[in-house]
PDB file of N, CA and C in Angstrom:
ATOM      1  N   MET A   1       0.872  -0.890  -0.100  1.00  0.00           N
ATOM      2  CA  MET A   1       0.066  -0.008   0.070  1.00  0.00           C
ATOM      3  C   MET A   1       0.979   1.019  -0.009  1.00  0.00           C
ATOM      4  N   LYS A   2       1.714   1.179   0.758  1.00  0.00           N
ATOM      5  CA  LYS A   2       3.014   2.348   0.404  1.00  0.00           C
ATOM      6  C   LYS A   2       3.342   2.865  -0.823  1.00  0.00           C
ATOM      7  N   ALA A   3       3.799   1.453  -1.454  1.00  0.00           N
ATOM      8  CA  ALA A   3       4.054   1.749  -2.703  1.00  0.00           C
ATOM      9  C   ALA A   3       3.454   2.581  -3.213  1.00  0.00           C
ATOM     10  N   HIS A   4       2.205   2.251  -3.499  1.00  0.00           N
ATOM     11  CA  HIS A   4       1.028   2.854  -4.471  1.00  0.00           C
ATOM     12  C   HIS A   4       0.814   3.887  -4.219  1.00  0.00           C
ATOM     13  N   LYS A   5       0.968   4.427  -2.856  1.00  0.00           N
ATOM     14  CA  LYS A   5       0.966   5.842  -2.411  1.00  0.00           C
ATOM     15  C   LYS A   5       2.098   6.337  -3.085  1.00  0.00           C
ATOM     16  N   TYR A   6       3.355   6.429  -2.900  1.00  0.00           N
ATOM     17  CA  TYR A   6       4.513   6.975  -3.166  1.00  0.00           C
ATOM     18  C   TYR A   6       4.604   6.950  -4.995  1.00  0.00           C
ATOM     19  N   TRP A   7       4.262   5.833  -5.359  1.00  0.00           N
ATOM     20  CA  TRP A   7       4.160   5.985  -7.174  1.00  0.00           C
ATOM     21  C   TRP A   7       2.990   6.809  -7.516  1.00  0.00           C
ATOM     22  N   SER A   8       2.061   7.237  -6.709  1.00  0.00           N
ATOM     23  CA  SER A   8       1.033   8.068  -7.009  1.00  0.00           C
ATOM     24  C   SER A   8       1.432   9.117  -6.806  1.00  0.00           C
ATOM     25  N   ILE A   9       2.056   9.926  -5.850  1.00  0.00           N
ATOM     26  CA  ILE A   9       2.439  11.249  -5.456  1.00  0.00           C
ATOM     27  C   ILE A   9       3.640  11.424  -6.260  1.00  0.00           C
ATOM     28  N   GLY A  10       4.278  10.648  -6.621  1.00  0.00           N
ATOM     29  CA  GLY A  10       5.430  10.919  -7.889  1.00  0.00           C
ATOM     30  C   GLY A  10       5.037  11.118  -9.136  1.00  0.00           C
ATOM     31  N   ALA A  11       3.836  10.530  -9.449  1.00  0.00           N
ATOM     32  CA  ALA A  11       3.180  10.554 -10.767  1.00  0.00           C
ATOM     33  C   ALA A  11       2.571  12.024 -10.427  1.00  0.00           C
ATOM     34  N   LEU A  12       1.716  12.149  -9.598  1.00  0.00           N
ATOM     35  CA  LEU A  12       1.006  13.430  -9.579  1.00  0.00           C
ATOM     36  C   LEU A  12       2.360  14.941  -9.702  1.00  0.00           C
ATOM     37  N   ILE A  13       3.528  14.652  -8.998  1.00  0.00           N
ATOM     38  CA  ILE A  13       4.394  16.099  -9.145  1.00  0.00           C
ATOM     39  C   ILE A  13       4.960  15.781 -10.505  1.00  0.00           C
ATOM     40  N   THR A  14       4.847  14.607 -11.475  1.00  0.00           N
ATOM     41  CA  THR A  14       6.004  14.838 -12.630  1.00  0.00           C
ATOM     42  C   THR A  14       4.604  14.965 -13.493  1.00  0.00           C
ATOM     43  N   MET A  15       3.381  15.035 -13.339  1.00  0.00           N
ATOM     44  CA  MET A  15       2.523  15.319 -14.268  1.00  0.00           C
ATOM     45  C   MET A  15       2.350  16.942 -14.026  1.00  0.00           C
ATOM     46  N   ILE A  16       2.629  17.793 -13.077  1.00  0.00           N
ATOM     47  CA  ILE A  16       2.558  19.013 -12.571  1.00  0.00           C
ATOM     48  C   ILE A  16       3.814  20.033 -13.356  1.00  0.00           C
ATOM     49  N   CYS A  17       4.918  19.174 -13.250  1.00  0.00           N
ATOM     50  CA  CYS A  17       6.180  19.543 -13.842  1.00  0.00           C
ATOM     51  C   CYS A  17       5.614  19.183 -15.567  1.00  0.00           C
ATOM     52  N   THR A  18       5.562  18.356 -15.948  1.00  0.00           N
ATOM     53  CA  THR A  18       5.169  18.054 -17.348  1.00  0.00           C
ATOM     54  C   THR A  18       4.570  19.187 -18.101  1.00  0.00           C
ATOM     55  N   PHE A  19       3.540  19.921 -17.314  1.00  0.00           N
ATOM     56  CA  PHE A  19       2.371  20.533 -17.532  1.00  0.00           C
ATOM     57  C   PHE A  19       2.949  21.995 -17.597  1.00  0.00           C
ATOM     58  N   LEU A  20       3.778  22.371 -16.723  1.00  0.00           N
ATOM     59  CA  LEU A  20       4.663  23.446 -16.291  1.00  0.00           C
ATOM     60  C   LEU A  20       5.756  23.430 -17.381  1.00  0.00           C
ATOM     61  N   THR A  21       6.546  22.536 -17.708  1.00  0.00           N
ATOM     62  CA  THR A  21       7.634  22.879 -19.127  1.00  0.00           C
ATOM     63  C   THR A  21       6.935  22.616 -20.586  1.00  0.00           C
ATOM     64  N   GLY A  22       5.683  21.857 -20.280  1.00  0.00           N
ATOM     65  CA  GLY A  22       5.086  22.474 -21.730  1.00  0.00           C
ATOM     66  C   GLY A  22       4.813  23.988 -22.076  1.00  0.00           C
ATOM     67  N   HIS A  23       4.265  24.544 -20.873  1.00  0.00           N
ATOM     68  CA  HIS A  23       4.142  26.027 -21.154  1.00  0.00           C
ATOM     69  C   HIS A  23       5.293  26.907 -21.189  1.00  0.00           C
ATOM     70  N   ILE A  24       6.671  26.557 -20.783  1.00  0.00           N
ATOM     71  CA  ILE A  24       7.670  26.856 -21.039  1.00  0.00           C
ATOM     72  C   ILE A  24       8.375  26.804 -22.411  1.00  0.00           C
ATOM     73  N   GLU A  25       7.578  25.446 -22.709  1.00  0.00           N
ATOM     74  CA  GLU A  25       8.449  25.032 -24.040  1.00  0.00           C
ATOM     75  C   GLU A  25       9.804  24.607 -24.424  1.00  0.00           C
ATOM     76  N   ASN A  26      10.108  23.988 -23.179  1.00  0.00           N
ATOM     77  CA  ASN A  26      11.437  23.445 -23.249  1.00  0.00           C
ATOM     78  C   ASN A  26      11.350  21.899 -23.474  1.00  0.00           C
ATOM     79  N   HIS A  27      11.669  21.621 -24.789  1.00  0.00           N
ATOM     80  CA  HIS A  27      11.118  20.159 -25.255  1.00  0.00           C
ATOM     81  C   HIS A  27      11.763  19.011 -24.827  1.00  0.00           C
ATOM     82  N   MET A  28      13.059  19.300 -24.660  1.00  0.00           N
ATOM     83  CA  MET A  28      13.404  18.134 -23.687  1.00  0.00           C
ATOM     84  C   MET A  28      13.336  17.549 -22.520  1.00  0.00           C
ATOM     85  N   ILE A  29      13.457  18.676 -21.789  1.00  0.00           N
ATOM     86  CA  ILE A  29      12.960  18.474 -20.458  1.00  0.00           C
ATOM     87  C   ILE A  29      11.416  18.003 -20.201  1.00  0.00           C
ATOM     88  N   HIS A  30      10.596  18.533 -20.892  1.00  0.00           N
ATOM     89  CA  HIS A  30       9.299  18.046 -21.028  1.00  0.00           C
ATOM     90  C   HIS A  30       9.084  16.671 -21.458  1.00  0.00           C
ATOM     91  N   ALA A  31       9.772  16.414 -22.840  1.00  0.00           N
ATOM     92  CA  ALA A  31       9.475  14.602 -22.907  1.00  0.00           C
ATOM     93  C   ALA A  31      10.441  13.745 -21.823  1.00  0.00           C
ATOM     94  N   SER A  32      11.378  14.329 -21.037  1.00  0.00           N
ATOM     95  CA  SER A  32      11.922  13.649 -19.845  1.00  0.00           C
ATOM     96  C   SER A  32      10.915  13.544 -18.799  1.00  0.00           C
ATOM     97  N   PHE A  33       9.894  14.819 -18.835  1.00  0.00           N
ATOM     98  CA  PHE A  33       9.027  14.567 -17.445  1.00  0.00           C
ATOM     99  C   PHE A  33       7.805  13.483 -17.926  1.00  0.00           C
ATOM    100  N   GLY A  34       7.781  13.373 -19.416  1.00  0.00           N
ATOM    101  CA  GLY A  34       6.565  12.528 -20.160  1.00  0.00           C
ATOM    102  C   GLY A  34       6.794  11.465 -19.408  1.00  0.00           C
ATOM    103  N   MET A  35       8.213  10.902 -20.182  1.00  0.00           N
ATOM    104  CA  MET A  35       8.282   9.427 -20.038  1.00  0.00           C
ATOM    105  C   MET A  35       8.556   9.205 -18.404  1.00  0.00           C
ATOM    106  N   ILE A  36       9.239   9.887 -17.572  1.00  0.00           N
ATOM    107  CA  ILE A  36       9.033   9.708 -15.919  1.00  0.00           C
ATOM    108  C   ILE A  36       7.468   9.654 -15.420  1.00  0.00           C
ATOM    109  N   VAL A  37       6.662  10.481 -16.357  1.00  0.00           N
ATOM    110  CA  VAL A  37       5.192  10.282 -15.611  1.00  0.00           C
ATOM    111  C   VAL A  37       4.214   8.952 -16.243  1.00  0.00           C
ATOM    112  N   LEU A  38       5.218   8.733 -17.325  1.00  0.00           N
ATOM    113  CA  LEU A  38       4.301   6.929 -17.715  1.00  0.00           C
ATOM    114  C   LEU A  38       5.036   5.889 -16.732  1.00  0.00           C
ATOM    115  N   ILE A  39       6.015   5.940 -16.571  1.00  0.00           N
ATOM    116  CA  ILE A  39       6.818   5.041 -15.394  1.00  0.00           C
ATOM    117  C   ILE A  39       6.126   5.211 -14.379  1.00  0.00           C
ATOM    118  N   CYS A  40       5.695   6.272 -13.748  1.00  0.00           N
ATOM    119  CA  CYS A  40       5.265   6.584 -12.615  1.00  0.00           C
ATOM    120  C   CYS A  40       3.770   6.164 -12.333  1.00  0.00           C
ATOM    121  N   MET A  41       3.029   6.177 -13.557  1.00  0.00           N
ATOM    122  CA  MET A  41       1.505   5.677 -13.764  1.00  0.00           C
ATOM    123  C   MET A  41       2.101   4.185 -13.947  1.00  0.00           C
ATOM    124  N   ILE A  42       2.200   3.437 -14.795  1.00  0.00           N
ATOM    125  CA  ILE A  42       2.320   2.224 -14.844  1.00  0.00           C
ATOM    126  C   ILE A  42       2.596   1.609 -13.496  1.00  0.00           C
ATOM    127  N   MET A  43       3.786   2.004 -12.516  1.00  0.00           N
ATOM    128  CA  MET A  43       3.859   1.562 -11.440  1.00  0.00           C
ATOM    129  C   MET A  43       2.887   1.610 -10.519  1.00  0.00           C
ATOM    130  N   SER A  44       2.171   2.950 -10.582  1.00  0.00           N
ATOM    131  CA  SER A  44       1.279   2.919  -9.588  1.00  0.00           C
ATOM    132  C   SER A  44      -0.251   1.787 -10.154  1.00  0.00           C
ATOM    133  N   VAL A  45      -0.470   1.911 -11.053  1.00  0.00           N
ATOM    134  CA  VAL A  45      -1.694   0.798 -11.431  1.00  0.00           C
ATOM    135  C   VAL A  45      -1.228  -0.615 -11.200  1.00  0.00           C
ATOM    136  N   TYR A  46       0.111  -0.635 -11.578  1.00  0.00           N
ATOM    137  CA  TYR A  46       0.571  -1.956 -11.167  1.00  0.00           C
ATOM    138  C   TYR A  46       0.480  -2.606  -9.820  1.00  0.00           C
ATOM    139  N   SER A  47       0.869  -1.758  -8.869  1.00  0.00           N
ATOM    140  CA  SER A  47       1.019  -1.644  -7.220  1.00  0.00           C
ATOM    141  C   SER A  47      -0.433  -1.563  -6.958  1.00  0.00           C
ATOM    142  N   GLY A  48      -1.489  -0.608  -7.402  1.00  0.00           N
ATOM    143  CA  GLY A  48      -2.833  -0.924  -7.377  1.00  0.00           C
ATOM    144  C   GLY A  48      -3.361  -1.948  -7.326  1.00  0.00           C
ATOM    145  N   HIS A  49      -3.219  -2.664  -8.552  1.00  0.00           N
ATOM    146  CA  HIS A  49      -3.644  -4.015  -9.424  1.00  0.00           C
ATOM    147  C   HIS A  49      -3.183  -5.122  -8.090  1.00  0.00           C
ATOM    148  N   LYS A  50      -2.083  -4.980  -7.617  1.00  0.00           N
ATOM    149  CA  LYS A  50      -1.562  -6.306  -6.624  1.00  0.00           C
ATOM    150  C   LYS A  50      -2.278  -5.735  -5.491  1.00  0.00           C
ATOM    151  N   MET A  51      -2.638  -4.673  -4.874  1.00  0.00           N
ATOM    152  CA  MET A  51      -3.104  -4.349  -3.549  1.00  0.00           C
ATOM    153  C   MET A  51      -4.558  -4.730  -3.779  1.00  0.00           C
ATOM    154  N   THR A  52      -5.283  -5.101  -4.939  1.00  0.00           N
ATOM    155  CA  THR A  52      -6.585  -5.244  -4.633  1.00  0.00           C
ATOM    156  C   THR A  52      -7.077  -6.321  -5.300  1.00  0.00           C
ATOM    157  N   SER A  53      -5.946  -7.370  -5.840  1.00  0.00           N
ATOM    158  CA  SER A  53      -6.305  -8.402  -6.294  1.00  0.00           C
ATOM    159  C   SER A  53      -5.541  -9.569  -5.299  1.00  0.00           C
ATOM    160  N   ARG A  54      -5.451  -9.357  -4.138  1.00  0.00           N
ATOM    161  CA  ARG A  54      -4.867 -10.453  -3.309  1.00  0.00           C
ATOM    162  C   ARG A  54      -6.133 -11.411  -2.822  1.00  0.00           C
ATOM    163  N   LYS A  55      -5.391 -12.504  -2.932  1.00  0.00           N
ATOM    164  CA  LYS A  55      -6.737 -13.533  -2.596  1.00  0.00           C
ATOM    165  C   LYS A  55      -6.348 -13.992  -0.905  1.00  0.00           C
ATOM    166  N   ASN A  56      -7.526 -13.494  -0.293  1.00  0.00           N
ATOM    167  CA  ASN A  56      -7.511 -13.873   0.975  1.00  0.00           C
ATOM    168  C   ASN A  56      -8.054 -15.395   1.385  1.00  0.00           C
TER     169      ASN A  56
END
């Protein structure tokens, strides 16, 4: 559960940075933040899926 929370917070922060760098028009940093957001979102979905699909 902690991993899901941390990945979600990381994704939120990098999404905000991606939005801001998109307005500054610094394309290299914008692309880097986009890739980081993608990784954070994949890990957040994966950890959330592991958290909800546990068999008791």
